[in-house]
Amino acid sequence: MSIPMIGLDLAKTIFHVHGIDASGTVVLRRSLRRGQVERFFAALSPCVVEMEGVWRIAPLGRLLQRLGHAVRMMPAHYVKPSVKRNKTDGRDAEAICEAASRPTMRFVAIKSEDAQTVLALHRNRALLVRQRTMTANAMRAGLAEFGIVAAQGKAGLDALLKELAAGPQGLPEAARAALSLLAVQWETVDALVRKLEAQIARLARADAAARRLMEIPGVGPITASMVVAKVPDAGLFDGARDFAAWIGLTPRQDSTGGKQRSVGISKQGDRTLRQLLVLGATSQLRQARAKGIRDPWLRDLLARRPAKVVAVALAAKTARIIWALLETGERYRAKDLPENLPEGRHQSLPAAA
């Protein structure tokens, strides 16, 4: 059987197939059980299979590619406007075909097993980091009820753990025993986080693209490995700004009547990657303040805008550099900056927010 394009709607057990010919006429509508999918597509001539880019799609996409089909995935929210009237699985498959036929549709690359493995490590790390933060906050709150308060940050928490282990005065023994359980849990989760971070760092060092990205200031193994796993093909983006917009680091437009107005950043796209880039930029700014800012662009921007705004701008610039390195395969080359600044030039910069 020869069908040029097929829209495939996925479910847990039942898949719906919607096939159209070159003119857009419907030539096939049917449902398949999970065990029938491979046999059905193996009997088809090579065609274009369109699917929504949901979390469980990658193994099926790789299977269809091995069978000789061209697989294209779209973000699910781009398909939803094409659904007519009531939602059914069959109409979802039809909407997938209709959405994929648009010349401006954006598609998502199929992730490899290695990329999925790296992202699984990142998800586990993010879960453990949340649990670690919750445990630390619970310890702080419990001790604060008895008047034992520590400074913010990691140093304050370490001091709190030492004080709890020593048995602070004014803390009942039963309360100390209960809070000590939280301390044990925090140390256990912290050890797991460090173990995952070490594993992610090893995988990043073993990947050529990730090693190149780690040469960029503000990009470490966590950020580099996540970028490489989530962006298997930089060519899917029209350019560096398109990549920064995908992360949500470009200005949000609120324009009307021919008047251009930008309101902050869009904060659309990949939230986790955006957070990592902003954190890296913030760390880069902190180091630059301590050593003296040599980059004229960064120095002038800090003189005009708040530090947090500058951190976001620096993160957007880093995102553009990342795309360029992924697209060209080149290594990062730092600008030639003046070694010495006029005395006191960087001391007049505003304090970090």
Protein backbone atom coordinates (compact mmCIF):
# COMPACT_ATOMS: atom_id res chain seq x y z
CA MET A 1 0.00 0.00 0.00
CA SER A 2 1.30 3.47 -0.94
CA ILE A 3 0.09 6.50 1.05
CA PRO A 4 2.11 9.75 0.85
CA MET A 5 1.23 11.11 4.30
CA ILE A 6 -0.12 9.58 7.50
CA GLY A 7 -1.21 11.30 10.68
CA LEU A 8 -0.76 9.03 13.69
CA ASP A 9 -2.48 9.79 16.99
CA LEU A 10 -1.00 7.94 19.96
CA ALA A 11 -2.67 6.56 23.06
CA LYS A 12 -1.73 3.95 25.63
CA THR A 13 -3.18 0.98 23.75
CA ILE A 14 -5.08 2.22 20.66
CA PHE A 15 -3.44 4.25 17.86
CA HIS A 16 -5.47 6.04 15.15
CA VAL A 17 -4.20 6.34 11.57
CA HIS A 18 -5.34 9.03 9.12
CA GLY A 19 -3.88 8.78 5.60
CA ILE A 20 -4.17 11.32 2.77
CA ASP A 21 -2.94 11.39 -0.82
CA ALA A 22 -1.01 14.16 -2.59
CA SER A 23 -4.20 16.18 -3.16
CA GLY A 24 -5.24 15.97 0.50
CA THR A 25 -8.03 13.45 -0.07
CA VAL A 26 -8.57 11.00 2.76
CA VAL A 27 -7.61 7.47 1.66
CA LEU A 28 -7.30 5.69 5.01
CA ARG A 29 -8.91 5.80 8.43
CA ARG A 30 -8.38 3.02 10.92
CA SER A 31 -7.32 2.20 14.46
CA LEU A 32 -4.46 -0.06 15.53
CA ARG A 33 -3.57 -1.77 18.74
CA ARG A 34 -0.06 -1.25 20.01
CA GLY A 35 1.05 -4.71 18.89
CA GLN A 36 -0.22 -4.08 15.33
CA VAL A 37 1.67 -0.84 14.68
CA GLU A 38 5.00 -2.29 13.56
CA ARG A 39 3.38 -4.88 11.29
CA PHE A 40 1.11 -2.25 9.70
CA PHE A 41 3.89 0.21 8.89
CA ALA A 42 6.27 -2.53 7.75
CA ALA A 43 3.76 -3.38 5.01
CA LEU A 44 3.54 0.25 3.82
CA SER A 45 5.72 1.86 1.19
CA PRO A 46 7.97 4.60 2.60
CA CYS A 47 5.85 7.62 3.50
CA VAL A 48 5.80 10.67 5.77
CA VAL A 49 4.42 9.88 9.23
CA GLU A 50 3.29 12.90 11.23
CA MET A 51 2.88 12.72 15.02
CA GLU A 52 2.54 14.96 18.05
CA GLY A 53 5.80 15.36 19.96
CA VAL A 54 4.67 13.86 23.26
CA TRP A 55 7.03 12.36 25.86
CA ARG A 56 6.56 8.71 24.82
CA ILE A 57 7.03 9.22 21.10
CA ALA A 58 10.79 8.76 20.63
CA PRO A 59 10.96 4.91 20.63
CA LEU A 60 8.14 4.69 18.09
CA GLY A 61 9.73 7.40 15.96
CA ARG A 62 13.03 5.53 15.85
CA LEU A 63 11.17 2.30 14.95
CA LEU A 64 9.37 3.97 12.03
CA GLN A 65 12.65 5.43 10.80
CA ARG A 66 14.20 1.97 10.80
CA LEU A 67 11.26 0.81 8.67
CA GLY A 68 12.18 3.44 6.07
CA HIS A 69 9.57 6.10 6.83
CA ALA A 70 10.21 9.83 7.25
CA VAL A 71 9.00 10.83 10.71
CA ARG A 72 8.07 14.38 11.64
CA MET A 73 6.91 15.48 15.07
CA MET A 74 5.12 18.70 16.00
CA PRO A 75 4.50 20.34 19.37
CA ALA A 76 1.07 19.26 20.55
CA HIS A 77 -0.16 22.84 21.08
CA TYR A 78 0.42 23.55 17.37
CA VAL A 79 -1.95 20.71 16.45
CA LYS A 80 -4.83 21.64 18.76
CA PRO A 81 -6.15 24.57 16.64
CA SER A 82 -6.71 22.16 13.73
CA VAL A 83 -9.12 19.93 15.67
CA LYS A 84 -12.68 20.44 14.35
CA ARG A 85 -15.59 20.51 16.80
CA ASN A 86 -15.54 17.66 19.33
CA LYS A 87 -12.25 16.00 20.18
CA THR A 88 -11.83 12.33 19.28
CA ASP A 89 -8.74 10.26 18.55
CA GLY A 90 -9.72 10.03 14.88
CA ARG A 91 -10.12 13.79 14.60
CA ASP A 92 -6.81 14.26 16.39
CA ALA A 93 -5.12 12.15 13.69
CA GLU A 94 -6.86 14.22 11.01
CA ALA A 95 -5.75 17.44 12.72
CA ILE A 96 -2.16 16.17 12.77
CA CYS A 97 -2.24 15.75 8.98
CA GLU A 98 -3.80 19.18 8.48
CA ALA A 99 -1.33 20.93 10.79
CA ALA A 100 1.66 19.19 9.19
CA SER A 101 0.56 20.43 5.75
CA ARG A 102 1.09 24.07 6.75
CA PRO A 103 4.23 25.51 5.14
CA THR A 104 5.19 27.38 8.34
CA MET A 105 4.83 24.42 10.71
CA ARG A 106 7.76 23.81 13.07
CA PHE A 107 8.90 20.28 13.73
CA VAL A 108 10.72 18.60 16.61
CA ALA A 109 13.71 16.30 16.18
CA ILE A 110 13.49 12.72 17.46
CA LYS A 111 15.80 12.20 20.41
CA SER A 112 18.30 9.35 20.47
CA GLU A 113 18.52 6.85 23.30
CA ASP A 114 21.66 8.59 24.57
CA ALA A 115 19.85 11.93 24.68
CA GLN A 116 16.92 10.37 26.52
CA THR A 117 19.33 8.86 29.04
CA VAL A 118 20.93 12.25 29.73
CA LEU A 119 17.54 13.92 30.12
CA ALA A 120 16.43 11.16 32.51
CA LEU A 121 19.46 11.96 34.69
CA HIS A 122 18.53 15.65 34.60
CA ARG A 123 14.92 14.91 35.59
CA ASN A 124 16.05 12.75 38.49
CA ARG A 125 18.48 15.44 39.60
CA ALA A 126 15.77 18.12 39.45
CA LEU A 127 13.46 15.95 41.56
CA LEU A 128 16.15 15.35 44.18
CA VAL A 129 17.10 19.04 44.26
CA ARG A 130 13.47 19.92 45.01
CA GLN A 131 13.36 17.31 47.76
CA ARG A 132 16.63 18.61 49.21
CA THR A 133 15.28 22.17 49.26
CA MET A 134 12.03 21.07 50.90
CA THR A 135 13.94 19.16 53.58
CA ALA A 136 16.23 22.12 54.29
CA ASN A 137 13.26 24.47 54.60
CA ALA A 138 11.51 22.05 56.96
CA MET A 139 14.63 21.90 59.16
CA ARG A 140 14.98 25.67 59.22
CA ALA A 141 11.31 26.16 60.09
CA GLY A 142 11.40 23.51 62.83
CA LEU A 143 14.47 24.99 64.50
CA ALA A 144 13.18 28.56 64.11
CA GLU A 145 10.17 27.64 66.25
CA PHE A 146 12.61 27.08 69.11
CA GLY A 147 14.52 30.29 68.43
CA ILE A 148 17.42 28.69 66.55
CA VAL A 149 17.94 30.66 63.33
CA ALA A 150 20.80 30.47 60.82
CA ALA A 151 21.88 32.70 57.97
CA GLN A 152 20.59 32.12 54.46
CA GLY A 153 22.50 30.04 51.95
CA LYS A 154 24.57 26.87 52.07
CA ALA A 155 26.95 28.17 54.75
CA GLY A 156 24.04 28.93 57.08
CA LEU A 157 22.56 25.49 56.53
CA ASP A 158 25.90 23.80 57.25
CA ALA A 159 26.15 25.72 60.53
CA LEU A 160 22.60 24.67 61.38
CA LEU A 161 23.41 21.00 60.76
CA LYS A 162 26.48 21.19 63.00
CA GLU A 163 24.49 22.88 65.75
CA LEU A 164 21.75 20.28 65.50
CA ALA A 165 24.28 17.44 65.75
CA ALA A 166 25.85 19.04 68.85
CA GLY A 167 22.51 19.29 70.64
CA PRO A 168 21.71 23.01 70.98
CA GLN A 169 20.46 24.38 74.26
CA GLY A 170 16.75 25.05 74.52
CA LEU A 171 15.82 22.29 72.09
CA PRO A 172 13.82 19.42 73.63
CA GLU A 173 15.26 15.97 73.06
CA ALA A 174 12.15 14.73 71.24
CA ALA A 175 12.25 17.70 68.87
CA ARG A 176 15.98 17.19 68.30
CA ALA A 177 15.38 13.53 67.42
CA ALA A 178 12.65 14.46 64.93
CA LEU A 179 14.72 17.18 63.29
CA SER A 180 17.76 14.90 63.18
CA LEU A 181 15.78 12.60 60.90
CA LEU A 182 15.39 15.50 58.50
CA ALA A 183 19.13 16.15 58.73
CA VAL A 184 19.85 12.53 57.80
CA GLN A 185 17.40 12.77 54.90
CA TRP A 186 19.03 16.00 53.68
CA GLU A 187 22.50 14.44 53.73
CA THR A 188 21.22 11.34 51.90
CA VAL A 189 19.49 13.36 49.17
CA ASP A 190 22.48 15.70 48.88
CA ALA A 191 24.78 12.72 48.30
CA LEU A 192 22.44 11.43 45.56
CA VAL A 193 22.41 14.86 43.89
CA ARG A 194 26.20 14.97 43.88
CA LYS A 195 26.34 11.44 42.47
CA LEU A 196 24.01 12.36 39.61
CA GLU A 197 25.93 15.56 38.92
CA ALA A 198 29.17 13.59 38.70
CA GLN A 199 27.55 11.17 36.25
CA ILE A 200 26.20 14.03 34.12
CA ALA A 201 29.65 15.65 34.12
CA ARG A 202 31.27 12.40 32.93
CA LEU A 203 28.79 12.11 30.06
CA ALA A 204 29.35 15.76 29.13
CA ARG A 205 33.12 15.32 29.03
CA ALA A 206 32.67 12.27 26.79
CA ASP A 207 30.62 14.24 24.23
CA ALA A 208 32.50 16.40 21.73
CA ALA A 209 29.71 18.96 21.32
CA ALA A 210 29.25 19.31 25.08
CA ARG A 211 32.99 19.81 25.54
CA ARG A 212 32.92 22.68 23.04
CA LEU A 213 29.97 24.29 24.80
CA MET A 214 31.71 24.08 28.18
CA GLU A 215 34.39 26.42 26.85
CA ILE A 216 31.79 29.22 26.83
CA PRO A 217 31.86 31.36 30.00
CA GLY A 218 28.82 30.61 32.16
CA VAL A 219 28.21 27.16 30.64
CA GLY A 220 29.06 24.13 32.76
CA PRO A 221 28.49 20.39 32.31
CA ILE A 222 24.87 20.56 33.51
CA THR A 223 23.89 23.20 30.95
CA ALA A 224 26.05 21.78 28.14
CA SER A 225 24.74 18.23 28.47
CA MET A 226 21.12 19.41 28.58
CA VAL A 227 21.54 21.56 25.47
CA VAL A 228 23.13 18.71 23.49
CA ALA A 229 20.39 16.30 24.59
CA LYS A 230 17.51 18.67 23.83
CA VAL A 231 18.89 20.08 20.57
CA PRO A 232 20.06 17.16 18.42
CA ASP A 233 19.91 19.32 15.29
CA ALA A 234 20.64 23.06 15.48
CA GLY A 235 19.56 23.34 11.84
CA LEU A 236 15.92 23.15 12.94
CA PHE A 237 16.27 26.79 14.01
CA ASP A 238 16.42 29.62 11.48
CA GLY A 239 19.24 31.31 13.36
CA ALA A 240 20.74 32.24 16.69
CA ARG A 241 17.89 34.57 17.65
CA ASP A 242 15.35 31.86 16.83
CA PHE A 243 17.17 29.55 19.23
CA ALA A 244 17.16 32.21 21.97
CA ALA A 245 13.44 32.77 21.34
CA TRP A 246 12.81 29.02 21.69
CA ILE A 247 14.35 29.18 25.16
CA GLY A 248 12.25 32.27 26.01
CA LEU A 249 15.08 34.80 26.35
CA THR A 250 13.93 37.29 23.70
CA PRO A 251 11.64 40.31 24.32
CA ARG A 252 7.90 39.73 24.38
CA GLN A 253 6.10 41.89 21.84
CA ASP A 254 3.00 43.90 22.78
CA SER A 255 2.73 46.05 19.67
CA THR A 256 -0.29 47.69 18.09
CA GLY A 257 -1.09 50.53 15.71
CA GLY A 258 2.36 50.42 14.20
CA LYS A 259 4.01 51.10 17.55
CA GLN A 260 6.65 48.58 18.59
CA ARG A 261 6.64 47.82 22.31
CA SER A 262 8.70 45.18 24.12
CA VAL A 263 7.60 43.98 27.55
CA GLY A 264 10.25 41.88 29.33
CA ILE A 265 11.17 38.48 27.96
CA SER A 266 8.64 35.98 26.65
CA LYS A 267 9.48 33.22 29.18
CA GLN A 268 8.10 30.74 26.65
CA GLY A 269 9.78 27.52 25.60
CA ASP A 270 12.16 25.47 27.70
CA ARG A 271 11.97 26.79 31.27
CA THR A 272 14.71 24.58 32.71
CA LEU A 273 17.25 25.53 30.06
CA ARG A 274 16.37 29.19 30.50
CA GLN A 275 16.94 28.94 34.26
CA LEU A 276 20.33 27.30 33.77
CA LEU A 277 21.50 29.96 31.33
CA VAL A 278 20.36 32.81 33.60
CA LEU A 279 22.06 31.18 36.59
CA GLY A 280 25.25 30.80 34.58
CA ALA A 281 25.07 34.44 33.48
CA THR A 282 24.51 35.56 37.08
CA SER A 283 27.58 33.63 38.20
CA GLN A 284 29.56 35.11 35.33
CA LEU A 285 28.54 38.63 36.40
CA ARG A 286 29.54 37.93 39.99
CA GLN A 287 33.00 36.78 38.91
CA ALA A 288 33.38 39.74 36.56
CA ARG A 289 32.61 42.19 39.36
CA ALA A 290 35.24 40.60 41.57
CA LYS A 291 37.96 40.66 38.89
CA GLY A 292 37.03 43.83 37.04
CA ILE A 293 34.82 43.89 33.94
CA ARG A 294 36.87 43.91 30.73
CA ASP A 295 34.05 43.47 28.20
CA PRO A 296 32.95 46.96 27.04
CA TRP A 297 29.47 45.69 26.08
CA LEU A 298 28.90 44.22 29.54
CA ARG A 299 30.42 47.22 31.31
CA ASP A 300 28.24 49.74 29.45
CA LEU A 301 25.11 47.65 29.93
CA LEU A 302 25.69 47.39 33.67
CA ALA A 303 26.08 51.15 33.86
CA ARG A 304 22.61 51.62 32.34
CA ARG A 305 20.48 48.70 33.51
CA PRO A 306 19.88 46.69 36.71
CA ALA A 307 22.08 43.66 37.28
CA LYS A 308 19.25 41.14 36.87
CA VAL A 309 18.29 42.63 33.51
CA VAL A 310 21.92 42.42 32.44
CA ALA A 311 22.06 38.77 33.54
CA VAL A 312 19.12 37.94 31.26
CA ALA A 313 20.72 39.83 28.37
CA LEU A 314 23.97 37.95 28.96
CA ALA A 315 22.05 34.65 29.02
CA ALA A 316 20.45 35.52 25.67
CA LYS A 317 23.88 36.31 24.25
CA THR A 318 25.19 32.98 25.56
CA ALA A 319 22.27 31.18 23.90
CA ARG A 320 23.21 32.72 20.56
CA ILE A 321 26.82 31.62 20.99
CA ILE A 322 25.65 28.09 21.84
CA TRP A 323 23.61 27.88 18.64
CA ALA A 324 26.54 29.14 16.56
CA LEU A 325 28.89 26.49 17.96
CA LEU A 326 26.32 23.72 17.46
CA GLU A 327 25.59 24.81 13.90
CA THR A 328 29.17 25.35 12.72
CA GLY A 329 30.98 22.76 14.83
CA GLU A 330 33.61 25.35 15.75
CA ARG A 331 35.15 26.01 19.16
CA TYR A 332 34.51 29.07 21.29
CA ARG A 333 36.87 31.99 20.66
CA ALA A 334 36.91 34.72 23.29
CA LYS A 335 37.20 38.34 22.21
CA ASP A 336 40.52 40.09 22.60
CA LEU A 337 39.78 42.46 25.48
CA PRO A 338 42.07 45.04 27.12
CA GLU A 339 44.09 43.56 29.94
CA ASN A 340 43.96 46.66 32.13
CA LEU A 341 41.09 49.00 32.91
CA PRO A 342 41.49 52.58 34.06
CA GLU A 343 41.74 52.55 37.84
CA GLY A 344 38.35 52.74 39.51
CA ARG A 345 36.42 52.26 36.23
CA HIS A 346 34.57 49.18 37.45
CA GLN A 347 34.14 50.41 41.01
CA SER A 348 31.36 52.82 40.04
CA LEU A 349 29.12 50.05 38.71
CA PRO A 350 25.80 49.46 40.50
CA ALA A 351 25.72 46.75 43.14
CA ALA A 352 24.25 43.37 42.27
CA ALA A 353 20.55 43.08 42.96
